[in-house]
N, C-alpha and C. Protein backbone atom coordinates (compact mmCIF):
# COMPACT_ATOMS: atom_id res chain seq x y z
N MET A 1 12.84 15.34 12.74
CA MET A 1 12.32 14.69 11.86
C MET A 1 10.68 14.86 11.83
N LYS A 2 10.12 15.11 12.97
CA LYS A 2 8.63 15.23 13.05
C LYS A 2 8.23 16.51 12.03
N THR A 3 9.25 17.65 12.11
CA THR A 3 8.62 18.71 11.38
C THR A 3 8.77 18.60 10.00
N PHE A 4 9.82 17.76 9.67
CA PHE A 4 9.80 17.22 8.11
C PHE A 4 8.60 16.42 7.62
N LEU A 5 8.22 15.59 8.57
CA LEU A 5 6.96 14.80 8.18
C LEU A 5 5.80 15.69 8.06
N ILE A 6 5.84 16.82 8.97
CA ILE A 6 4.38 17.69 8.95
C ILE A 6 4.58 18.38 7.61
N VAL A 7 6.02 18.85 7.05
CA VAL A 7 5.99 19.60 5.88
C VAL A 7 5.61 18.38 4.66
N VAL A 8 5.76 17.40 4.75
CA VAL A 8 5.28 16.42 3.72
C VAL A 8 3.76 16.42 3.82
N VAL A 9 3.22 16.12 4.75
CA VAL A 9 1.85 15.95 5.13
C VAL A 9 1.13 17.66 4.69
N VAL A 10 1.64 18.38 4.95
CA VAL A 10 1.16 19.66 4.73
C VAL A 10 1.03 19.82 3.26
N SER A 11 2.29 19.39 2.48
CA SER A 11 2.40 19.83 0.97
C SER A 11 1.46 18.68 0.39
N THR A 12 1.21 17.59 0.76
CA THR A 12 0.47 16.49 0.37
C THR A 12 -0.98 16.86 0.38
N ILE A 13 -1.50 17.65 1.45
CA ILE A 13 -2.88 17.82 1.83
C ILE A 13 -3.15 19.11 0.82
N PHE A 14 -2.23 19.92 0.70
CA PHE A 14 -2.27 21.26 -0.09
C PHE A 14 -2.60 20.78 -1.58
N ALA A 15 -2.05 19.97 -2.01
CA ALA A 15 -1.80 19.28 -3.32
C ALA A 15 -3.56 18.46 -3.53
N GLN A 16 -3.83 17.84 -2.56
CA GLN A 16 -5.01 17.17 -2.80
C GLN A 16 -6.24 17.80 -2.53
N THR A 17 -6.33 18.80 -1.43
CA THR A 17 -7.38 19.53 -1.08
C THR A 17 -7.17 20.80 -0.84
N PRO A 18 -7.07 21.85 -2.00
CA PRO A 18 -6.77 23.06 -1.59
C PRO A 18 -7.64 23.95 -0.80
N GLU A 19 -8.83 23.97 -1.43
CA GLU A 19 -9.91 24.57 -0.75
C GLU A 19 -9.75 24.63 0.77
N ARG A 20 -9.75 23.21 1.30
CA ARG A 20 -9.78 23.09 2.73
C ARG A 20 -8.45 23.55 3.41
N ALA A 21 -7.41 23.19 2.69
CA ALA A 21 -6.18 23.40 3.30
C ALA A 21 -5.89 24.71 3.46
N VAL A 22 -6.32 25.62 2.66
CA VAL A 22 -6.17 27.32 2.81
C VAL A 22 -6.60 27.88 4.23
N SER A 23 -7.84 27.08 4.50
CA SER A 23 -8.59 27.42 5.76
C SER A 23 -7.92 27.00 6.92
N GLN A 24 -6.83 26.29 6.87
CA GLN A 24 -5.98 25.52 7.99
C GLN A 24 -4.75 25.69 8.05
N VAL A 25 -3.88 25.94 8.90
CA VAL A 25 -2.58 26.15 9.03
C VAL A 25 -1.74 24.89 8.65
N PHE A 26 -1.87 24.12 9.51
CA PHE A 26 -1.24 22.53 9.53
C PHE A 26 -2.18 21.40 10.06
N PRO A 27 -1.98 20.50 9.43
CA PRO A 27 -2.83 19.27 9.93
C PRO A 27 -2.55 18.98 11.26
N VAL A 28 -3.56 18.08 12.18
CA VAL A 28 -3.17 18.04 13.39
C VAL A 28 -2.69 16.48 13.69
N ASP A 29 -1.85 16.19 14.30
CA ASP A 29 -1.65 14.68 14.70
C ASP A 29 -2.91 14.16 15.57
N LEU A 30 -3.50 12.95 15.20
CA LEU A 30 -4.65 12.47 15.91
C LEU A 30 -4.43 12.21 17.36
N GLU A 31 -3.08 12.09 17.63
CA GLU A 31 -2.71 12.06 19.14
C GLU A 31 -2.93 13.13 19.88
N ASP A 32 -2.91 14.29 19.29
CA ASP A 32 -3.15 15.61 19.94
C ASP A 32 -4.67 15.86 20.09
N LEU A 33 -5.48 14.87 19.45
CA LEU A 33 -6.92 15.26 19.78
C LEU A 33 -7.66 14.28 20.97
N THR A 34 -8.52 14.48 21.39
CA THR A 34 -9.25 13.41 22.38
C THR A 34 -10.18 12.73 21.54
N LYS A 35 -10.05 11.23 21.74
CA LYS A 35 -11.01 10.39 21.14
C LYS A 35 -12.16 9.97 22.24
N TYR A 36 -13.33 10.16 21.84
CA TYR A 36 -14.68 9.87 22.76
C TYR A 36 -15.50 8.96 21.67
N LYS A 37 -15.72 7.87 21.94
CA LYS A 37 -16.51 6.79 21.18
C LYS A 37 -15.92 6.95 19.88
N ASP A 38 -16.55 7.43 18.91
CA ASP A 38 -16.32 7.26 17.39
C ASP A 38 -15.93 8.61 17.01
N LYS A 39 -15.47 9.52 17.72
CA LYS A 39 -15.28 11.12 17.22
C LYS A 39 -13.93 11.31 17.82
N TRP A 40 -13.32 12.24 17.23
CA TRP A 40 -12.09 13.10 17.71
C TRP A 40 -12.44 14.36 17.93
N LEU A 41 -11.99 14.67 19.24
CA LEU A 41 -12.57 16.02 19.73
C LEU A 41 -11.52 16.94 19.98
N ASP A 42 -11.74 18.21 19.77
CA ASP A 42 -10.86 19.28 20.02
C ASP A 42 -10.56 19.22 21.44
N PRO A 43 -9.24 19.12 22.04
CA PRO A 43 -9.27 19.01 23.65
C PRO A 43 -9.63 20.36 24.33
N GLU A 44 -9.39 21.42 23.65
CA GLU A 44 -9.81 22.82 24.29
C GLU A 44 -11.14 22.66 24.46
N SER A 45 -11.92 22.60 23.28
CA SER A 45 -13.45 23.19 23.34
C SER A 45 -14.46 21.70 23.39
N MET A 46 -13.88 20.55 23.15
CA MET A 46 -14.37 19.45 23.30
C MET A 46 -15.39 19.31 22.02
N ASP A 47 -15.38 20.05 21.16
CA ASP A 47 -16.34 20.00 20.13
C ASP A 47 -15.54 19.21 19.04
N GLY A 48 -16.28 18.38 18.04
CA GLY A 48 -15.85 17.43 16.93
C GLY A 48 -14.78 18.18 15.98
N TYR A 49 -13.57 17.88 16.13
CA TYR A 49 -12.52 18.43 15.36
C TYR A 49 -12.89 18.59 13.64
N ASN A 50 -12.68 19.65 13.09
CA ASN A 50 -12.73 19.68 11.96
C ASN A 50 -11.41 20.03 11.08
N GLY A 51 -10.82 19.41 10.07
CA GLY A 51 -9.61 19.63 9.37
C GLY A 51 -8.62 18.29 8.92
N ALA A 52 -7.54 18.83 8.50
CA ALA A 52 -6.81 17.69 8.05
C ALA A 52 -6.11 16.99 9.13
N VAL A 53 -5.74 15.66 9.05
CA VAL A 53 -5.29 15.07 10.26
C VAL A 53 -4.12 14.14 9.79
N TYR A 54 -3.24 13.51 10.60
CA TYR A 54 -2.65 12.40 10.24
C TYR A 54 -2.29 11.68 11.69
N ASP A 55 -1.65 10.28 11.39
CA ASP A 55 -1.05 9.54 12.66
C ASP A 55 0.16 9.08 12.25
N ILE A 56 0.80 9.17 13.25
CA ILE A 56 2.41 8.33 13.37
C ILE A 56 2.49 7.19 14.22
N GLU A 57 3.07 6.43 13.76
CA GLU A 57 3.55 5.27 14.72
C GLU A 57 4.90 5.05 14.38
N GLU A 58 5.98 4.76 15.39
CA GLU A 58 7.50 4.49 15.32
C GLU A 58 8.01 5.42 14.35
N GLY A 59 7.68 6.76 14.33
CA GLY A 59 8.39 7.78 13.40
C GLY A 59 7.73 7.54 12.12
N GLU A 60 6.84 6.92 11.72
CA GLU A 60 6.46 6.78 10.25
C GLU A 60 4.83 7.21 10.17
N ILE A 61 4.44 8.00 9.16
CA ILE A 61 3.14 8.44 9.02
C ILE A 61 2.45 7.02 8.49
N VAL A 62 1.30 6.67 9.21
CA VAL A 62 0.40 5.56 8.95
C VAL A 62 -0.92 5.72 8.50
N PHE A 63 -1.25 7.21 8.53
CA PHE A 63 -2.68 7.42 8.13
C PHE A 63 -2.67 9.20 7.89
N LYS A 64 -3.22 9.55 6.84
CA LYS A 64 -3.71 10.89 6.54
C LYS A 64 -4.89 10.92 6.19
N GLY A 65 -5.58 12.03 6.37
CA GLY A 65 -7.01 12.19 6.08
C GLY A 65 -7.61 13.55 6.53
N HIS A 66 -9.02 13.76 6.71
CA HIS A 66 -9.68 14.72 7.17
C HIS A 66 -10.72 14.29 8.11
N LEU A 67 -11.06 15.37 9.16
CA LEU A 67 -12.25 14.96 10.05
C LEU A 67 -13.34 16.00 9.76
N ARG A 68 -14.59 15.71 9.82
CA ARG A 68 -15.61 16.78 9.85
C ARG A 68 -16.36 16.37 10.99
N SER A 69 -16.71 17.36 11.80
CA SER A 69 -17.37 17.13 13.11
C SER A 69 -16.85 15.91 14.03
N GLY A 70 -15.54 15.75 13.94
CA GLY A 70 -15.01 14.61 14.55
C GLY A 70 -14.85 13.29 14.19
N GLN A 71 -15.56 13.09 13.05
CA GLN A 71 -15.44 11.94 12.35
C GLN A 71 -14.65 11.97 10.87
N LEU A 72 -13.96 10.75 10.44
CA LEU A 72 -13.30 10.83 9.48
C LEU A 72 -14.20 10.98 8.26
N HIS A 73 -13.82 12.02 7.32
CA HIS A 73 -14.78 12.38 6.11
C HIS A 73 -13.69 12.97 4.97
N GLY A 74 -14.04 12.17 3.77
CA GLY A 74 -13.12 12.65 2.69
C GLY A 74 -12.22 11.62 2.18
N ARG A 75 -11.12 12.23 1.41
CA ARG A 75 -10.17 10.95 0.93
C ARG A 75 -9.12 10.91 2.28
N TYR A 76 -8.37 9.35 2.17
CA TYR A 76 -7.68 9.11 3.09
C TYR A 76 -6.47 8.45 2.45
N GLU A 77 -5.60 8.17 3.24
CA GLU A 77 -4.37 7.21 2.76
C GLU A 77 -4.01 6.62 3.87
N GLU A 78 -3.82 5.17 3.78
CA GLU A 78 -3.53 4.27 5.16
C GLU A 78 -2.40 3.32 4.90
N TYR A 79 -1.25 3.67 5.64
CA TYR A 79 -0.06 2.96 5.20
C TYR A 79 0.39 1.86 6.04
N HIS A 80 0.72 0.83 5.42
CA HIS A 80 1.22 -0.59 6.21
C HIS A 80 2.28 -1.07 5.73
N SER A 81 2.81 -2.10 6.17
CA SER A 81 3.87 -2.76 5.79
C SER A 81 4.07 -3.36 4.33
N ARG A 82 2.77 -3.68 4.06
CA ARG A 82 2.50 -4.10 2.73
C ARG A 82 2.46 -3.30 1.53
N GLY A 83 2.14 -1.84 1.98
CA GLY A 83 1.91 -0.91 1.04
C GLY A 83 1.08 0.24 1.51
N PHE A 84 0.02 0.44 0.67
CA PHE A 84 -0.97 1.59 1.18
C PHE A 84 -2.22 1.38 0.59
N GLU A 85 -3.38 1.75 1.19
CA GLU A 85 -4.78 1.90 0.65
C GLU A 85 -5.16 3.33 0.53
N ARG A 86 -5.85 3.69 -0.52
CA ARG A 86 -6.34 5.11 -0.76
C ARG A 86 -7.86 5.00 -1.02
N GLY A 87 -8.63 5.79 -0.32
CA GLY A 87 -10.04 5.84 -0.63
C GLY A 87 -10.91 6.93 0.08
N SER A 88 -12.06 6.97 0.47
CA SER A 88 -12.78 7.69 1.11
C SER A 88 -13.72 7.38 2.38
N TYR A 89 -13.76 8.42 3.09
CA TYR A 89 -14.75 8.13 4.31
C TYR A 89 -15.88 9.08 3.98
N GLN A 90 -16.72 8.75 4.65
CA GLN A 90 -18.25 9.41 4.66
C GLN A 90 -18.79 9.43 6.13
N GLU A 91 -18.81 10.29 6.80
CA GLU A 91 -19.39 10.44 8.25
C GLU A 91 -18.87 9.13 9.03
N GLY A 92 -17.44 9.06 8.99
CA GLY A 92 -16.78 8.09 9.68
C GLY A 92 -16.72 6.64 9.18
N LYS A 93 -17.40 6.30 8.24
CA LYS A 93 -17.42 5.07 7.50
C LYS A 93 -16.69 4.93 6.25
N ARG A 94 -15.94 4.13 5.58
CA ARG A 94 -15.34 3.93 4.32
C ARG A 94 -16.58 3.99 3.31
N GLU A 95 -16.35 4.84 2.37
CA GLU A 95 -17.40 4.82 1.31
C GLU A 95 -16.78 5.12 0.02
N GLY A 96 -17.36 4.35 -1.11
CA GLY A 96 -16.92 4.54 -2.29
C GLY A 96 -15.90 3.61 -2.81
N THR A 97 -14.97 3.99 -3.89
CA THR A 97 -13.99 3.11 -4.51
C THR A 97 -12.81 3.21 -3.46
N PHE A 98 -12.21 2.08 -3.56
CA PHE A 98 -10.78 1.95 -2.63
C PHE A 98 -9.68 1.43 -3.59
N GLU A 99 -8.34 1.56 -3.37
CA GLU A 99 -7.49 1.02 -4.09
C GLU A 99 -6.31 0.56 -3.10
N VAL A 100 -5.40 -0.57 -3.15
CA VAL A 100 -4.69 -1.02 -2.22
C VAL A 100 -3.47 -1.28 -3.39
N TYR A 101 -2.21 -0.38 -2.89
CA TYR A 101 -0.88 -0.65 -3.69
C TYR A 101 0.00 -1.31 -2.79
N SER A 102 0.91 -2.12 -3.62
CA SER A 102 2.11 -2.61 -2.89
C SER A 102 3.25 -1.63 -2.67
N VAL A 103 4.14 -2.11 -1.80
CA VAL A 103 5.29 -1.25 -1.41
C VAL A 103 6.02 -0.72 -2.63
N LYS A 104 5.83 -1.39 -3.62
CA LYS A 104 6.46 -0.95 -5.32
C LYS A 104 5.59 -0.05 -5.72
N GLY A 105 4.35 0.30 -5.12
CA GLY A 105 3.83 1.20 -5.95
C GLY A 105 2.68 0.61 -6.95
N LYS A 106 2.56 -0.61 -7.13
CA LYS A 106 1.56 -1.14 -8.07
C LYS A 106 0.10 -1.62 -7.39
N LEU A 107 -0.52 -1.45 -8.12
CA LEU A 107 -2.13 -1.60 -7.71
C LEU A 107 -2.21 -3.28 -7.54
N SER A 108 -2.74 -3.42 -6.36
CA SER A 108 -2.86 -4.89 -6.14
C SER A 108 -4.25 -5.41 -5.53
N GLU A 109 -5.06 -4.29 -5.34
CA GLU A 109 -6.54 -4.37 -4.98
C GLU A 109 -7.36 -3.35 -5.56
N LYS A 110 -8.59 -3.69 -5.86
CA LYS A 110 -9.43 -2.45 -5.90
C LYS A 110 -10.86 -2.95 -5.67
N GLY A 111 -11.84 -2.12 -5.15
CA GLY A 111 -13.33 -2.60 -4.95
C GLY A 111 -13.80 -1.49 -4.57
N ILE A 112 -15.06 -1.62 -3.66
CA ILE A 112 -15.98 -0.64 -3.25
C ILE A 112 -16.28 -0.81 -1.89
N TYR A 113 -16.45 0.23 -1.06
CA TYR A 113 -16.92 0.10 0.18
C TYR A 113 -18.52 0.83 0.36
N GLN A 114 -19.18 0.33 0.79
CA GLN A 114 -20.47 0.80 1.21
C GLN A 114 -21.05 0.82 2.70
N ASN A 115 -21.14 2.06 3.08
CA ASN A 115 -21.56 2.12 4.59
C ASN A 115 -20.45 1.26 5.38
N GLY A 116 -19.31 1.37 5.13
CA GLY A 116 -18.05 0.90 6.08
C GLY A 116 -17.79 -0.45 5.54
N VAL A 117 -18.39 -1.26 4.69
CA VAL A 117 -18.10 -2.65 4.53
C VAL A 117 -17.96 -2.77 2.99
N ARG A 118 -17.20 -3.64 2.62
CA ARG A 118 -16.98 -4.10 1.05
C ARG A 118 -18.18 -4.61 0.44
N ASN A 119 -18.46 -4.13 -0.67
CA ASN A 119 -19.85 -4.41 -1.40
C ASN A 119 -19.71 -4.14 -2.69
N GLY A 120 -19.71 -5.15 -3.73
CA GLY A 120 -19.67 -4.86 -5.10
C GLY A 120 -18.57 -5.44 -5.44
N LEU A 121 -18.17 -5.15 -7.09
CA LEU A 121 -17.09 -5.75 -7.49
C LEU A 121 -15.82 -5.65 -6.91
N TYR A 122 -14.82 -6.61 -7.10
CA TYR A 122 -13.62 -6.59 -6.20
C TYR A 122 -12.73 -7.33 -7.16
N PHE A 123 -11.45 -6.79 -7.30
CA PHE A 123 -10.42 -7.31 -8.15
C PHE A 123 -9.02 -7.25 -7.33
N ALA A 124 -8.35 -8.30 -7.28
CA ALA A 124 -6.87 -8.29 -6.85
C ALA A 124 -6.14 -8.71 -8.12
N TYR A 125 -4.77 -8.20 -8.07
CA TYR A 125 -3.96 -8.36 -8.98
C TYR A 125 -2.71 -8.94 -8.80
N HIS A 126 -2.10 -9.53 -9.74
CA HIS A 126 -0.58 -10.10 -9.60
C HIS A 126 0.26 -8.98 -9.96
N ASP A 127 1.47 -9.13 -9.48
CA ASP A 127 2.66 -8.09 -9.38
C ASP A 127 2.81 -7.74 -10.99
N ASN A 128 2.49 -8.44 -12.06
CA ASN A 128 2.37 -8.22 -13.49
C ASN A 128 1.42 -7.44 -14.05
N MET A 129 0.24 -6.91 -12.96
CA MET A 129 -0.80 -6.41 -13.11
C MET A 129 -2.07 -7.20 -14.01
N ARG A 130 -1.61 -8.47 -14.04
CA ARG A 130 -2.76 -9.34 -14.56
C ARG A 130 -3.77 -9.66 -13.38
N VAL A 131 -5.06 -9.73 -13.77
CA VAL A 131 -6.02 -10.14 -12.85
C VAL A 131 -5.74 -11.32 -12.15
N TRP A 132 -5.64 -11.40 -10.82
CA TRP A 132 -5.54 -12.67 -10.04
C TRP A 132 -6.89 -13.23 -9.43
N ILE A 133 -7.94 -12.25 -9.00
CA ILE A 133 -9.17 -12.65 -8.18
C ILE A 133 -10.14 -11.51 -8.83
N LYS A 134 -11.09 -12.18 -9.27
CA LYS A 134 -12.35 -11.25 -9.58
C LYS A 134 -13.55 -11.88 -9.12
N THR A 135 -14.30 -11.09 -7.95
CA THR A 135 -15.31 -11.66 -7.47
C THR A 135 -16.12 -10.50 -6.99
N GLU A 136 -17.25 -10.65 -6.32
CA GLU A 136 -17.96 -9.53 -5.53
C GLU A 136 -18.09 -9.72 -4.26
N TYR A 137 -18.39 -8.71 -3.76
CA TYR A 137 -18.59 -8.57 -2.11
C TYR A 137 -20.00 -8.24 -2.09
N ALA A 138 -20.58 -8.88 -0.87
CA ALA A 138 -22.23 -8.22 -0.43
C ALA A 138 -21.96 -8.09 1.11
N LYS A 139 -22.15 -7.23 1.51
CA LYS A 139 -22.16 -6.84 3.25
C LYS A 139 -20.91 -7.38 3.65
N GLY A 140 -19.71 -7.37 3.09
CA GLY A 140 -18.48 -7.62 3.71
C GLY A 140 -17.89 -9.00 3.50
N SER A 141 -18.96 -9.90 2.62
CA SER A 141 -18.70 -11.27 2.52
C SER A 141 -18.41 -11.50 0.93
N TRP A 142 -17.58 -12.61 0.61
CA TRP A 142 -17.73 -12.99 -1.02
C TRP A 142 -18.88 -13.49 -1.28
N GLU A 143 -19.38 -13.10 -2.13
CA GLU A 143 -20.92 -13.43 -2.71
C GLU A 143 -21.11 -13.36 -4.30
N GLY A 144 -21.61 -14.47 -4.79
CA GLY A 144 -21.52 -14.45 -6.24
C GLY A 144 -20.41 -15.02 -7.08
N PRO A 145 -20.40 -14.72 -8.22
CA PRO A 145 -19.29 -15.52 -9.17
C PRO A 145 -17.77 -14.97 -8.67
N TYR A 146 -17.09 -15.94 -8.86
CA TYR A 146 -15.63 -15.95 -8.37
C TYR A 146 -14.75 -16.58 -9.39
N GLU A 147 -13.61 -15.80 -9.71
CA GLU A 147 -12.74 -16.43 -10.73
C GLU A 147 -11.21 -16.04 -10.21
N SER A 148 -10.45 -17.20 -10.63
CA SER A 148 -8.84 -16.72 -10.29
C SER A 148 -8.11 -17.28 -11.18
N PHE A 149 -7.16 -16.60 -11.41
CA PHE A 149 -6.02 -16.60 -12.68
C PHE A 149 -4.72 -16.78 -12.20
N ASP A 150 -3.93 -17.41 -12.68
CA ASP A 150 -2.25 -17.18 -12.45
C ASP A 150 -1.71 -16.30 -13.02
N ALA A 151 -0.43 -15.95 -13.04
CA ALA A 151 0.29 -14.87 -13.62
C ALA A 151 0.16 -14.66 -14.82
N THR A 152 0.09 -15.73 -15.59
CA THR A 152 0.14 -15.40 -16.97
C THR A 152 -1.35 -15.41 -17.81
N GLY A 153 -2.36 -15.38 -16.70
CA GLY A 153 -3.73 -15.31 -17.11
C GLY A 153 -4.56 -16.63 -17.31
N ASN A 154 -4.02 -17.55 -17.01
CA ASN A 154 -4.89 -18.79 -17.15
C ASN A 154 -5.63 -19.12 -16.01
N LEU A 155 -6.81 -19.58 -16.26
CA LEU A 155 -7.88 -19.73 -15.33
C LEU A 155 -7.58 -20.76 -14.19
N ILE A 156 -7.50 -20.59 -12.97
CA ILE A 156 -7.15 -21.52 -12.07
C ILE A 156 -8.51 -22.11 -11.63
N SER A 157 -9.39 -21.31 -11.20
CA SER A 157 -10.85 -21.64 -10.48
C SER A 157 -11.98 -20.92 -10.64
N ARG A 158 -13.13 -21.32 -10.96
CA ARG A 158 -14.09 -20.60 -11.19
C ARG A 158 -15.35 -21.42 -10.51
N GLY A 159 -16.46 -20.39 -9.89
CA GLY A 159 -17.43 -20.88 -9.08
C GLY A 159 -18.08 -19.84 -8.48
N HIS A 160 -18.91 -20.09 -7.59
CA HIS A 160 -19.62 -19.10 -6.79
C HIS A 160 -19.46 -19.15 -5.35
N TYR A 161 -19.49 -18.09 -4.70
CA TYR A 161 -19.56 -17.91 -3.28
C TYR A 161 -21.07 -17.44 -2.75
N LYS A 162 -21.11 -18.02 -1.50
CA LYS A 162 -22.46 -17.54 -0.88
C LYS A 162 -21.97 -17.42 0.65
N ALA A 163 -21.92 -16.04 1.05
CA ALA A 163 -21.30 -15.70 2.60
C ALA A 163 -20.29 -16.23 2.84
N ASN A 164 -19.12 -16.00 2.08
CA ASN A 164 -17.90 -16.59 2.13
C ASN A 164 -17.65 -18.07 2.11
N PHE A 165 -18.60 -18.69 1.75
CA PHE A 165 -18.37 -20.18 1.33
C PHE A 165 -18.66 -20.59 -0.09
N GLN A 166 -17.58 -21.51 -0.68
CA GLN A 166 -17.83 -21.96 -1.80
C GLN A 166 -19.12 -22.80 -1.85
N CYS A 167 -19.78 -22.81 -3.14
CA CYS A 167 -21.24 -23.37 -2.96
C CYS A 167 -21.24 -23.85 -4.67
N GLY A 168 -22.06 -24.89 -4.90
CA GLY A 168 -22.33 -25.32 -6.44
C GLY A 168 -21.23 -25.94 -6.92
N SER A 169 -21.16 -25.98 -8.40
CA SER A 169 -19.86 -26.64 -9.25
C SER A 169 -19.00 -25.60 -9.31
N TRP A 170 -17.58 -25.95 -8.90
CA TRP A 170 -16.66 -25.15 -9.32
C TRP A 170 -15.58 -25.87 -10.22
N THR A 171 -14.94 -25.21 -10.88
CA THR A 171 -13.81 -25.78 -11.77
C THR A 171 -12.65 -25.14 -11.31
N GLN A 172 -11.88 -26.34 -10.61
CA GLN A 172 -10.44 -26.01 -10.00
C GLN A 172 -9.34 -26.78 -10.56
N LYS A 173 -8.58 -25.92 -11.41
CA LYS A 173 -7.34 -26.64 -11.86
C LYS A 173 -7.87 -27.65 -13.13
N GLY A 174 -8.93 -27.27 -13.77
CA GLY A 174 -9.34 -27.95 -14.77
C GLY A 174 -10.35 -29.14 -14.39
N LYS A 175 -10.81 -29.39 -13.04
CA LYS A 175 -11.56 -30.51 -12.54
C LYS A 175 -12.79 -29.72 -11.85
N VAL A 176 -13.73 -30.51 -12.07
CA VAL A 176 -15.14 -30.07 -11.39
C VAL A 176 -15.25 -30.43 -10.14
N VAL A 177 -15.49 -29.56 -9.27
CA VAL A 177 -15.47 -30.08 -7.69
C VAL A 177 -16.97 -29.50 -7.47
N GLU A 178 -17.79 -30.27 -6.50
CA GLU A 178 -19.14 -30.00 -6.06
C GLU A 178 -18.81 -29.50 -4.63
N TYR A 179 -19.67 -28.50 -4.44
CA TYR A 179 -19.77 -27.98 -3.04
C TYR A 179 -21.49 -28.05 -2.59
N PRO A 180 -21.69 -27.76 -1.45
CA PRO A 180 -22.94 -27.72 -1.04
C PRO A 180 -23.70 -26.85 -2.03
N PRO A 181 -24.94 -26.88 -2.37
CA PRO A 181 -25.59 -26.05 -3.34
C PRO A 181 -25.62 -24.66 -2.88
N CYS A 182 -25.72 -23.60 -3.66
CA CYS A 182 -25.82 -22.19 -3.54
C CYS A 182 -27.44 -22.01 -3.31
N GLU A 183 -27.64 -21.32 -2.06
CA GLU A 183 -28.99 -21.32 -1.94
C GLU A 183 -29.61 -19.82 -1.70
């Protein structure tokens, strides 16, 4: 079973990054590397590992990506019981756009990471692909305008967030609700 999984990982990596894949015979299981602080090291040389990697839990691939100088760098896919996330790392931190997909393969979230935290526009979607939540993140917290919609596109709520807290006047299910002012 593990051999089959390695073949799947290798073929996926060849399809995504052929210039890197040609220089490497097989991706390496993170379990076979030595973890020291925030880096994965080659256990023989103790240098930061460079190349394609994957991680397996209970016989299932839960992560695939690349390391550069022992840190995650480049495209990744992370799998969990609700689906999977796809994005990029830069020098060990998530960076740039990301997308989260449901088990059925439908886009359920998308947004932006900067320096390892969510920052910028964020969208969440209903199963029918209509927008459920539209908001913004600032340094990992909901910050700024917020709107949520039901599965048919009707507005449920609209207002502002400041550091993950509702503030100011909100419209919720057609009623105006007041929260502490946004400062």
